[in-house]
Amino acid sequence: MFVVEETIPGTDAGQIPKQRGETLLDTAVRYTEERHWDVFPGTWLEAVDGVHRCSCGVVECPAPGAHPARSDWAGQVTGSASAVRRMWQMRPTASILLPTGHSFDTISVPETAGFLALARMERRELALGPVILTPARRMEFFVLPGAAAKVPALIRSLGWSLSPLDLTVRGEGTYVAAPPTRFGSKGAVQWASRPTPANQWLPDAAELIPALAYACGRDRQDRRERQDRRERRERRER
């Protein structure tokens, strides 16, 4: 059971467990034992001249300390708690990465759209799985595997086109960083909707796509309107 210690402002469902006092090894083991999720170790942060940089050595790394350390990372994926212990004992500060397409896929949307969708789902009492909030201001909604194949058709059936929506699906061959992995100085990955016994069974993508597509469309329209107002104001000030 995860311990809830913080809440994201703006949503009643946004309680976030922080594993204070736990090592990354302890947390990775609990993912395998309590959720039966596969995991694998990623890069880590190193102090270089007083600045934390990614172990990959790329100065402008887009996800410092939060991406695979090896190109053949799929070979490291494991659901064995003993294997997890061995890997994190070798590299205690390695990030915790979860492969998608195994126990779950994720539907990724902008943070603003994610909070709007969460509110709509709560009102409709939809059964949610865990939801991750990343420092890149994205939300990852956990759904049953196979979502990557069916989401485009689901979007079209609702009268939307996938291309203008800032909505993507992570399926087989990709991954997400798990809490409490840190993205350099940007902050840590957190739970917007925490794993609980009640959401052990994940929803199908078809159950969440209507709310997520609507929220992404609304977010896109709001951003366009803000851009239009900004451009009109700039023209007046010239």
Protein backbone atom coordinates (compact mmCIF):
# COMPACT_ATOMS: atom_id res chain seq x y z
CA MET A 1 0.00 0.00 0.00
CA PHE A 2 1.36 3.41 -0.94
CA VAL A 3 1.40 6.16 1.69
CA VAL A 4 -0.31 9.42 0.72
CA GLU A 5 1.52 12.50 1.91
CA GLU A 6 0.91 15.24 -0.64
CA THR A 7 -1.90 16.55 -2.82
CA ILE A 8 -1.74 18.18 -6.24
CA PRO A 9 -3.62 21.48 -6.14
CA GLY A 10 -6.60 21.55 -8.43
CA THR A 11 -8.05 18.08 -8.08
CA ASP A 12 -9.67 16.20 -5.22
CA ALA A 13 -8.30 12.94 -6.63
CA GLY A 14 -4.72 14.14 -6.80
CA GLN A 15 -3.29 12.67 -3.65
CA ILE A 16 0.28 11.65 -4.30
CA PRO A 17 2.24 9.09 -2.31
CA LYS A 18 5.83 10.01 -1.58
CA GLN A 19 8.11 7.19 -0.51
CA ARG A 20 9.96 9.13 2.17
CA GLY A 21 12.70 7.13 3.77
CA GLU A 22 12.48 4.40 1.14
CA THR A 23 15.30 3.60 -1.23
CA LEU A 24 14.70 3.33 -4.96
CA LEU A 25 15.42 -0.38 -4.56
CA ASP A 26 12.59 -0.71 -2.00
CA THR A 27 10.17 1.11 -4.28
CA ALA A 28 11.12 -0.89 -7.37
CA VAL A 29 10.64 -4.14 -5.44
CA ARG A 30 7.18 -3.03 -4.27
CA TYR A 31 6.15 -2.34 -7.88
CA THR A 32 6.96 -5.94 -8.74
CA GLU A 33 5.54 -7.52 -5.59
CA GLU A 34 2.43 -5.39 -4.98
CA ARG A 35 1.40 -4.48 -8.54
CA HIS A 36 3.11 -7.32 -10.45
CA TRP A 37 4.62 -4.76 -12.83
CA ASP A 38 7.82 -5.34 -14.77
CA VAL A 39 10.55 -2.80 -14.13
CA PHE A 40 14.06 -1.98 -15.31
CA PRO A 41 16.76 0.49 -14.17
CA GLY A 42 17.43 3.66 -16.11
CA THR A 43 20.02 6.41 -15.98
CA TRP A 44 20.83 8.32 -12.80
CA LEU A 45 21.93 11.79 -11.75
CA GLU A 46 25.57 12.64 -11.09
CA ALA A 47 26.95 15.80 -9.49
CA VAL A 48 29.31 17.57 -11.93
CA ASP A 49 30.78 20.88 -10.71
CA GLY A 50 27.89 21.23 -8.30
CA VAL A 51 25.29 20.58 -11.01
CA HIS A 52 23.30 17.36 -11.31
CA ARG A 53 23.69 15.92 -14.79
CA CYS A 54 22.45 12.75 -16.44
CA SER A 55 24.74 9.73 -16.30
CA CYS A 56 24.38 9.42 -20.11
CA GLY A 57 26.85 12.31 -20.45
CA VAL A 58 24.67 14.44 -22.73
CA VAL A 59 24.78 17.99 -21.33
CA GLU A 60 21.37 18.94 -22.75
CA CYS A 61 19.73 15.60 -22.00
CA PRO A 62 15.94 16.09 -22.36
CA ALA A 63 15.14 13.63 -19.54
CA PRO A 64 18.16 13.73 -17.22
CA GLY A 65 18.24 10.71 -14.95
CA ALA A 66 14.98 9.33 -16.33
CA HIS A 67 15.58 7.33 -19.49
CA PRO A 68 17.10 3.92 -20.36
CA ALA A 69 20.80 3.59 -19.71
CA ARG A 70 21.24 1.03 -22.51
CA SER A 71 19.94 0.69 -26.04
CA ASP A 72 19.09 -2.95 -25.30
CA TRP A 73 17.03 -2.00 -22.23
CA ALA A 74 14.28 -4.46 -23.15
CA GLY A 75 16.64 -7.25 -22.10
CA GLN A 76 16.79 -5.84 -18.57
CA VAL A 77 13.04 -5.85 -18.03
CA THR A 78 12.05 -8.12 -15.14
CA GLY A 79 9.18 -8.92 -12.82
CA SER A 80 11.42 -10.80 -10.41
CA ALA A 81 11.93 -9.10 -7.04
CA SER A 82 15.26 -10.88 -6.57
CA ALA A 83 16.51 -9.67 -9.97
CA VAL A 84 15.35 -6.14 -9.11
CA ARG A 85 17.31 -6.26 -5.86
CA ARG A 86 20.46 -7.34 -7.68
CA MET A 87 20.18 -4.57 -10.30
CA TRP A 88 19.53 -1.76 -7.84
CA GLN A 89 22.21 -3.00 -5.45
CA MET A 90 24.63 -2.52 -8.33
CA ARG A 91 23.29 0.99 -9.07
CA PRO A 92 21.25 2.28 -6.07
CA THR A 93 20.47 5.66 -7.67
CA ALA A 94 19.18 4.32 -11.00
CA SER A 95 15.77 5.62 -12.04
CA ILE A 96 12.78 3.28 -12.02
CA LEU A 97 11.33 2.70 -15.48
CA LEU A 98 8.21 0.69 -16.31
CA PRO A 99 7.89 -0.89 -19.77
CA THR A 100 4.56 -0.29 -21.46
CA GLY A 101 2.83 -2.97 -23.50
CA HIS A 102 3.39 -5.57 -20.77
CA SER A 103 1.06 -5.13 -17.80
CA PHE A 104 -0.39 -1.88 -19.15
CA ASP A 105 -0.30 0.79 -21.84
CA THR A 106 -0.55 4.48 -21.01
CA ILE A 107 -2.46 7.30 -22.67
CA SER A 108 -0.42 10.50 -22.46
CA VAL A 109 -2.04 13.95 -22.47
CA PRO A 110 -1.01 17.48 -21.40
CA GLU A 111 -1.33 18.21 -17.68
CA THR A 112 -4.13 20.76 -18.17
CA ALA A 113 -6.17 18.33 -20.26
CA GLY A 114 -5.43 15.57 -17.77
CA PHE A 115 -6.87 17.48 -14.82
CA LEU A 116 -9.97 18.40 -16.84
CA ALA A 117 -10.43 14.75 -17.84
CA LEU A 118 -9.95 13.58 -14.24
CA ALA A 119 -12.72 15.92 -13.08
CA ARG A 120 -15.10 14.63 -15.78
CA MET A 121 -14.27 11.02 -14.97
CA GLU A 122 -14.91 11.58 -11.27
CA ARG A 123 -18.31 13.14 -11.97
CA ARG A 124 -19.23 10.13 -14.09
CA GLU A 125 -17.78 7.74 -11.49
CA LEU A 126 -15.57 6.03 -14.03
CA ALA A 127 -13.20 3.40 -12.69
CA LEU A 128 -9.68 4.77 -13.08
CA GLY A 129 -6.32 3.08 -13.01
CA PRO A 130 -3.21 4.80 -11.69
CA VAL A 131 -2.26 8.13 -13.30
CA ILE A 132 1.26 9.57 -13.40
CA LEU A 133 2.11 13.28 -13.45
CA THR A 134 5.54 14.05 -14.92
CA PRO A 135 7.78 17.12 -14.53
CA ALA A 136 7.31 17.59 -18.29
CA ARG A 137 3.69 18.52 -17.42
CA ARG A 138 2.20 15.38 -18.95
CA MET A 139 -0.23 12.89 -17.46
CA GLU A 140 -0.01 9.18 -18.18
CA PHE A 141 -3.29 7.26 -17.70
CA PHE A 142 -2.74 3.52 -17.16
CA VAL A 143 -5.02 1.28 -19.23
CA LEU A 144 -5.11 -2.33 -20.34
CA PRO A 145 -2.46 -3.42 -22.87
CA GLY A 146 -3.50 -3.16 -26.50
CA ALA A 147 -4.57 0.48 -26.32
CA ALA A 148 -1.97 1.57 -28.86
CA ALA A 149 -3.73 -0.47 -31.55
CA LYS A 150 -7.28 0.61 -30.82
CA VAL A 151 -7.07 4.30 -29.80
CA PRO A 152 -6.88 5.80 -33.34
CA ALA A 153 -10.16 4.10 -34.30
CA LEU A 154 -11.76 5.12 -31.00
CA ILE A 155 -10.79 8.74 -31.62
CA ARG A 156 -12.24 8.66 -35.15
CA SER A 157 -15.48 7.08 -33.92
CA LEU A 158 -15.97 10.13 -31.69
CA GLY A 159 -15.62 12.49 -34.64
CA TRP A 160 -12.12 13.65 -33.76
CA SER A 161 -8.92 13.51 -35.77
CA LEU A 162 -5.95 12.20 -33.82
CA SER A 163 -3.36 14.47 -35.45
CA PRO A 164 -4.45 17.81 -33.91
CA LEU A 165 -5.00 16.30 -30.46
CA ASP A 166 -1.99 16.26 -28.15
CA LEU A 167 -2.77 12.67 -27.19
CA THR A 168 -0.39 9.75 -27.61
CA VAL A 169 -0.35 6.13 -26.51
CA ARG A 170 2.64 4.27 -25.11
CA GLY A 171 2.48 0.60 -25.95
CA GLU A 172 4.95 -2.18 -26.63
CA GLY A 173 8.54 -1.00 -27.03
CA THR A 174 8.24 2.14 -24.90
CA TYR A 175 8.27 2.98 -21.21
CA VAL A 176 7.31 5.47 -18.52
CA ALA A 177 9.36 6.74 -15.58
CA ALA A 178 7.79 5.74 -12.26
CA PRO A 179 7.58 7.76 -9.04
CA PRO A 180 9.78 8.88 -7.36
CA THR A 181 12.18 9.12 -10.35
CA ARG A 182 13.59 12.64 -10.79
CA PHE A 183 14.01 14.54 -14.07
CA GLY A 184 17.14 16.44 -13.12
CA SER A 185 16.28 19.79 -11.53
CA LYS A 186 12.75 19.72 -13.01
CA GLY A 187 11.35 17.65 -10.16
CA ALA A 188 10.09 14.15 -9.54
CA VAL A 189 7.50 11.97 -11.21
CA GLN A 190 4.41 11.76 -8.96
CA TRP A 191 1.08 9.98 -8.76
CA ALA A 192 -1.94 12.06 -9.75
CA SER A 193 -4.09 9.01 -9.03
CA ARG A 194 -2.27 6.57 -6.80
CA PRO A 195 -2.14 2.78 -7.10
CA THR A 196 -4.62 1.19 -4.69
CA PRO A 197 -6.22 -2.23 -4.29
CA ALA A 198 -9.36 -0.74 -5.87
CA ASN A 199 -7.60 -0.02 -9.17
CA GLN A 200 -5.61 -3.25 -9.40
CA TRP A 201 -7.75 -4.04 -12.47
CA LEU A 202 -7.15 -1.46 -15.18
CA PRO A 203 -9.80 0.14 -17.40
CA ASP A 204 -9.95 -0.41 -21.13
CA ALA A 205 -8.89 2.54 -23.28
CA ALA A 206 -12.44 2.77 -24.66
CA GLU A 207 -13.71 3.76 -21.21
CA LEU A 208 -11.38 6.77 -20.90
CA ILE A 209 -10.95 8.01 -24.47
CA PRO A 210 -14.19 10.05 -24.63
CA ALA A 211 -13.17 12.17 -21.63
CA LEU A 212 -9.52 12.38 -22.68
CA ALA A 213 -10.28 13.33 -26.29
CA TYR A 214 -12.75 16.00 -25.19
CA ALA A 215 -10.25 17.40 -22.69
CA CYS A 216 -7.46 17.50 -25.28
CA GLY A 217 -9.75 19.22 -27.79
CA ARG A 218 -10.81 21.76 -25.19
CA ASP A 219 -7.19 22.36 -24.16
CA ARG A 220 -6.18 22.88 -27.79
CA GLN A 221 -8.99 25.38 -28.33
CA ASP A 222 -8.11 27.28 -25.14
CA ARG A 223 -4.45 27.50 -26.18
CA ARG A 224 -5.43 28.74 -29.64
CA GLU A 225 -7.70 31.41 -28.17
CA ARG A 226 -4.95 32.56 -25.80
CA GLN A 227 -2.54 32.77 -28.72
CA ASP A 228 -5.05 34.79 -30.76
CA ARG A 229 -5.59 37.25 -27.89
CA ARG A 230 -1.83 37.62 -27.45
CA GLU A 231 -1.32 38.31 -31.15
CA ARG A 232 -4.13 40.89 -31.22
CA ARG A 233 -2.66 42.64 -28.18
CA GLU A 234 0.79 42.70 -29.76
CA ARG A 235 -0.61 44.21 -32.97
CA ARG A 236 -2.36 46.95 -31.00
CA GLU A 237 0.85 47.79 -29.13
CA ARG A 238 2.94 48.22 -32.27
